[in-house]
Amino acid sequence: MTGQSADKKLALVTGASRGIGLAIAQRLIREGYQVVGTATSDQGVAALTETLQQHGPEHAALRLDISDSEQTEATLAGLVSDFGVPHVVVNNAGITRDNLFLRLSEDDWQAVINTNLTGVFRVCKVLTKVMLKKKAGSIINISSVIGTTGNGGQANYAAAKAGLEGFSRSLAQEIASRNITVNCIAPGFIQTDMTDVLPEAQKEAILASIPGKRFGNVDDIAGAVAFLASDDARYITGQTLHVNGGMNMG
C-alpha cells in the first residue's frame, strides 16, 4: 500500500528489520505514526512489511542501502512521492567491521564511515529539503556510547559515531528556525542478537562497568526516540541523549 494516512504523521525508520530499529518502528506505530521502515534486501523488506502491517495496512517497508548514493536519492524521492514528507526521520541503519587498528583495512574503515556517517548525510540531504518546506519535524540519529568513550577494535565505528554527533549539532543549528529538531541517541550495551552470542566472561566484564547492572533492552531506546519525536521535546535540539545505565556519565 502507498499513500500517506490522512490522520497520521509519517515516520521513516532506516535499518528497521530487527533489533533496535524494529523496536523503534513498532513504538512509533503505537504512538500513532504511520511508519515506513527500511531493510537492505528484498527478503528483509518482505519480512518487515509483514511485521509492520500486522498493525495496519498503512505501514510499509522499502529497500534501501544508504551506502549507495544513487539508490538512496531515488528511494527517498519515491518515499516522498508515494507517502509524503516524513515528520520524523530516524537514522538507525549501520554496520560494524571490527578489528584492532593495526589490522584494520582501509576498505573496512571506508565501509563503516560510508554507511554510518556519510549514509546519514545522504538521507538528511534529501529529506531536509522537503521537511524545511513544511517547517516541522524531528531528525533522530542513532549514535553509540562508543562515539564518546572509544573502544578497542572499533576505531572506525567510534570515528563514525563521533562524527555523527558533530554533524547532528551542526545541522541542528542550521534548521532550528524552521521548527525542525536534530538530536542523537547514544545507546550503551543493548541486549540484541549481537550481545547474546558474547562469551559469559565478556558479558560479566561489561555488566561490571554498568551501574545499572543490566544490559539495556531495545525498548529503552525506542522510548527515548518516542520522547524526542514528541511535542514534549520541541525545545530540545542539538543534543545527544545517552541511554546506557550509567556506564558513561558526562
Protein backbone atom coordinates (compact mmCIF):
# COMPACT_ATOMS: atom_id res chain seq x y z
CA MET A 1 0.00 0.00 0.00
CA THR A 2 1.17 3.54 -0.75
CA GLY A 3 -0.19 6.89 0.25
CA GLN A 4 0.03 8.97 3.40
CA SER A 5 -2.55 8.32 6.06
CA ALA A 6 -4.91 11.26 6.38
CA ASP A 7 -4.86 11.27 10.17
CA LYS A 8 -1.33 10.13 10.99
CA LYS A 9 2.07 11.77 10.79
CA LEU A 10 4.67 9.86 8.77
CA ALA A 11 7.83 8.41 10.32
CA LEU A 12 10.76 6.86 8.46
CA VAL A 13 13.00 4.38 10.30
CA THR A 14 16.09 3.12 8.49
CA GLY A 15 17.52 -0.28 9.39
CA ALA A 16 14.17 -1.39 10.81
CA SER A 17 14.24 -5.11 10.05
CA ARG A 18 15.36 -6.24 13.51
CA GLY A 19 16.73 -5.24 16.89
CA ILE A 20 16.69 -1.58 17.85
CA GLY A 21 15.30 -0.41 14.51
CA LEU A 22 12.32 -2.76 14.63
CA ALA A 23 11.56 -1.78 18.23
CA ILE A 24 11.64 1.90 17.23
CA ALA A 25 9.29 1.28 14.31
CA GLN A 26 6.83 -0.62 16.47
CA ARG A 27 6.93 2.00 19.23
CA LEU A 28 6.24 4.82 16.78
CA ILE A 29 3.27 2.86 15.44
CA ARG A 30 1.94 2.64 18.99
CA GLU A 31 2.47 6.39 19.32
CA GLY A 32 0.14 6.89 16.37
CA TYR A 33 2.53 7.34 13.45
CA GLN A 34 2.31 5.84 10.02
CA VAL A 35 5.68 4.09 9.74
CA VAL A 36 7.81 3.25 6.73
CA GLY A 37 10.80 1.10 7.65
CA THR A 38 13.76 0.11 5.51
CA ALA A 39 15.81 -3.03 5.00
CA THR A 40 18.73 -3.75 2.68
CA SER A 41 17.40 -6.90 0.97
CA ASP A 42 14.18 -7.91 -0.75
CA GLN A 43 13.79 -10.71 1.78
CA GLY A 44 14.17 -8.23 4.63
CA VAL A 45 11.63 -5.89 3.05
CA ALA A 46 9.09 -8.71 2.70
CA ALA A 47 9.51 -9.79 6.32
CA LEU A 48 9.38 -6.21 7.62
CA THR A 49 6.29 -5.42 5.57
CA GLU A 50 4.51 -8.42 7.05
CA THR A 51 5.50 -7.41 10.58
CA LEU A 52 4.53 -3.76 10.25
CA GLN A 53 1.24 -4.45 8.51
CA GLN A 54 0.09 -6.54 11.43
CA HIS A 55 -0.55 -3.11 12.94
CA GLY A 56 -2.38 -1.76 9.89
CA PRO A 57 -2.16 -1.68 6.09
CA GLU A 58 -0.91 1.91 6.04
CA HIS A 59 2.56 0.86 7.21
CA ALA A 60 5.19 -0.19 4.69
CA ALA A 61 8.79 -1.20 4.07
CA LEU A 62 11.26 -0.13 1.40
CA ARG A 63 14.59 -1.49 0.19
CA LEU A 64 17.33 0.99 1.00
CA ASP A 65 21.10 0.75 1.16
CA ILE A 66 22.31 4.08 2.50
CA SER A 67 25.88 3.28 1.41
CA ASP A 68 24.69 3.76 -2.20
CA SER A 69 24.22 7.44 -3.03
CA GLU A 70 22.12 7.00 -6.19
CA GLN A 71 19.85 4.38 -4.65
CA THR A 72 19.33 6.48 -1.53
CA GLU A 73 18.32 9.52 -3.53
CA ALA A 74 15.96 7.54 -5.76
CA THR A 75 14.37 5.57 -2.92
CA LEU A 76 13.76 8.62 -0.76
CA ALA A 77 12.35 10.58 -3.69
CA GLY A 78 9.95 7.66 -4.17
CA LEU A 79 9.09 7.75 -0.47
CA VAL A 80 8.12 11.41 -0.66
CA SER A 81 6.16 10.84 -3.86
CA ASP A 82 4.25 7.81 -2.57
CA PHE A 83 3.81 8.62 1.12
CA GLY A 84 4.51 12.32 1.60
CA VAL A 85 7.05 14.20 3.69
CA PRO A 86 8.14 12.45 6.91
CA HIS A 87 7.53 14.27 10.16
CA VAL A 88 10.04 12.02 11.94
CA VAL A 89 13.23 10.58 10.44
CA VAL A 90 15.14 8.01 12.49
CA ASN A 91 18.59 7.20 11.09
CA ASN A 92 19.27 3.81 12.65
CA ALA A 93 20.87 1.83 9.80
CA GLY A 94 24.51 1.00 10.38
CA ILE A 95 27.21 -1.64 10.14
CA THR A 96 30.32 -2.78 12.02
CA ARG A 97 33.64 -4.01 10.65
CA ASP A 98 35.62 -4.52 13.86
CA ASN A 99 39.35 -5.14 14.06
CA LEU A 100 42.35 -3.95 16.03
CA PHE A 101 43.66 -0.76 14.47
CA LEU A 102 46.91 -2.24 13.16
CA ARG A 103 44.88 -4.91 11.37
CA LEU A 104 42.09 -2.60 10.22
CA SER A 105 41.98 -2.37 6.45
CA GLU A 106 41.20 0.83 4.62
CA ASP A 107 38.24 -0.95 3.00
CA ASP A 108 36.74 -1.71 6.42
CA TRP A 109 37.41 1.85 7.55
CA GLN A 110 35.72 3.29 4.47
CA ALA A 111 32.76 0.88 4.63
CA VAL A 112 31.84 1.92 8.18
CA ILE A 113 32.36 5.65 7.56
CA ASN A 114 30.42 5.45 4.29
CA THR A 115 27.40 3.78 5.85
CA ASN A 116 27.29 5.07 9.42
CA LEU A 117 28.24 8.68 8.74
CA THR A 118 28.02 9.51 5.05
CA GLY A 119 24.86 7.39 4.75
CA VAL A 120 23.12 9.60 7.31
CA PHE A 121 24.32 12.67 5.39
CA ARG A 122 22.70 11.21 2.25
CA VAL A 123 19.36 10.62 3.96
CA CYS A 124 19.32 14.05 5.56
CA LYS A 125 20.40 15.75 2.34
CA VAL A 126 17.29 14.51 0.53
CA LEU A 127 14.74 14.77 3.31
CA THR A 128 15.81 18.03 4.96
CA LYS A 129 14.94 19.89 1.77
CA VAL A 130 11.32 18.78 1.83
CA MET A 131 10.99 18.98 5.61
CA LEU A 132 12.10 22.63 5.53
CA LYS A 133 9.10 23.47 3.35
CA LYS A 134 6.75 22.02 5.96
CA LYS A 135 8.57 23.82 8.78
CA ALA A 136 8.13 20.94 11.20
CA GLY A 137 9.75 17.67 12.13
CA SER A 138 12.32 15.71 14.06
CA ILE A 139 15.51 14.02 12.88
CA ILE A 140 16.84 11.45 15.34
CA ASN A 141 20.22 9.88 14.66
CA ILE A 142 21.21 6.69 16.48
CA SER A 143 24.77 7.07 17.72
CA SER A 144 26.56 4.96 20.36
CA VAL A 145 28.32 5.30 23.69
CA ILE A 146 31.40 4.20 21.72
CA GLY A 147 31.37 7.58 19.96
CA THR A 148 32.18 9.16 23.33
CA THR A 149 34.31 6.55 25.09
CA GLY A 150 36.03 4.85 22.15
CA ASN A 151 36.53 1.08 22.19
CA GLY A 152 39.42 -1.18 21.28
CA GLY A 153 38.87 -2.80 17.90
CA GLN A 154 36.32 -0.20 16.82
CA ALA A 155 38.28 2.85 15.68
CA ASN A 156 36.19 3.09 12.50
CA TYR A 157 32.87 2.74 14.34
CA ALA A 158 33.88 5.22 17.07
CA ALA A 159 35.01 7.76 14.49
CA ALA A 160 31.76 7.44 12.55
CA LYS A 161 29.57 7.84 15.64
CA ALA A 162 31.58 10.78 16.99
CA GLY A 163 31.31 12.38 13.57
CA LEU A 164 27.58 11.71 13.52
CA GLU A 165 27.13 13.67 16.74
CA GLY A 166 29.11 16.64 15.41
CA PHE A 167 27.16 16.53 12.16
CA SER A 168 23.87 16.49 14.09
CA ARG A 169 24.81 19.52 16.18
CA SER A 170 25.77 21.48 13.09
CA LEU A 171 22.61 20.56 11.19
CA ALA A 172 20.53 21.40 14.26
CA GLN A 173 21.91 24.95 14.25
CA GLU A 174 21.06 25.44 10.60
CA ILE A 175 17.44 24.30 10.68
CA ALA A 176 16.20 25.06 14.20
CA SER A 177 14.50 28.25 12.99
CA ARG A 178 12.30 26.09 10.73
CA ASN A 179 10.93 24.18 13.72
CA ILE A 180 12.93 21.03 12.93
CA THR A 181 14.92 19.40 15.71
CA VAL A 182 18.02 17.25 15.23
CA ASN A 183 19.19 15.04 18.09
CA CYS A 184 21.18 11.88 18.71
CA ILE A 185 20.52 8.93 20.96
CA ALA A 186 23.63 7.08 22.12
CA PRO A 187 22.78 3.56 23.33
CA GLY A 188 25.09 1.73 25.68
CA PHE A 189 25.17 -2.07 25.64
CA ILE A 190 21.74 -3.17 24.47
CA GLN A 191 20.62 -6.80 24.55
CA THR A 192 20.30 -7.91 20.92
CA ASP A 193 21.33 -10.86 18.76
CA MET A 194 24.88 -9.47 18.77
CA THR A 195 25.22 -9.36 22.57
CA ASP A 196 23.51 -12.73 23.03
CA VAL A 197 26.49 -14.52 21.46
CA LEU A 198 29.14 -12.87 23.66
CA PRO A 199 31.07 -15.21 25.99
CA GLU A 200 29.81 -15.15 29.57
CA ALA A 201 33.10 -13.77 30.86
CA GLN A 202 32.84 -10.83 28.48
CA LYS A 203 29.22 -10.22 29.47
CA GLU A 204 30.21 -10.18 33.14
CA ALA A 205 33.02 -7.71 32.45
CA ILE A 206 30.61 -5.40 30.61
CA LEU A 207 27.99 -5.63 33.35
CA ALA A 208 30.62 -4.72 35.94
CA SER A 209 31.06 -1.38 34.14
CA ILE A 210 27.33 -0.56 34.20
CA PRO A 211 26.00 0.95 37.45
CA GLY A 212 22.51 -0.19 36.43
CA LYS A 213 23.83 -3.79 36.48
CA ARG A 214 21.93 -4.86 33.40
CA PHE A 215 22.09 -4.59 29.66
CA GLY A 216 19.62 -2.19 28.16
CA ASN A 217 16.83 -3.52 26.01
CA VAL A 218 15.59 -2.30 22.67
CA ASP A 219 12.50 -0.75 24.24
CA ASP A 220 14.74 1.58 26.28
CA ILE A 221 15.99 3.07 23.03
CA ALA A 222 12.57 3.08 21.38
CA GLY A 223 11.16 5.00 24.34
CA ALA A 224 13.86 7.64 24.04
CA VAL A 225 13.07 8.02 20.32
CA ALA A 226 9.36 8.40 21.10
CA PHE A 227 10.19 11.20 23.54
CA LEU A 228 12.46 13.12 21.16
CA ALA A 229 9.85 12.79 18.41
CA SER A 230 7.08 14.13 20.65
CA ASP A 231 5.90 17.68 21.28
CA ASP A 232 7.37 17.37 24.78
CA ALA A 233 10.82 17.66 23.17
CA ARG A 234 10.12 20.54 20.80
CA TYR A 235 12.66 22.79 22.59
CA ILE A 236 15.43 20.16 22.59
CA THR A 237 17.82 20.19 19.67
CA GLY A 238 21.49 19.54 19.01
CA GLN A 239 21.67 17.14 21.94
CA THR A 240 22.93 13.60 22.47
CA LEU A 241 20.75 11.61 24.85
CA HIS A 242 22.82 8.83 26.47
CA VAL A 243 20.85 5.69 27.29
CA ASN A 244 23.43 3.44 28.93
CA GLY A 245 22.50 2.56 32.51
CA GLY A 246 25.15 4.96 33.80
CA MET A 247 28.21 3.32 32.22
CA ASN A 248 29.22 6.73 30.85
CA MET A 249 28.22 9.93 32.60
CA GLY A 250 29.19 13.36 31.41
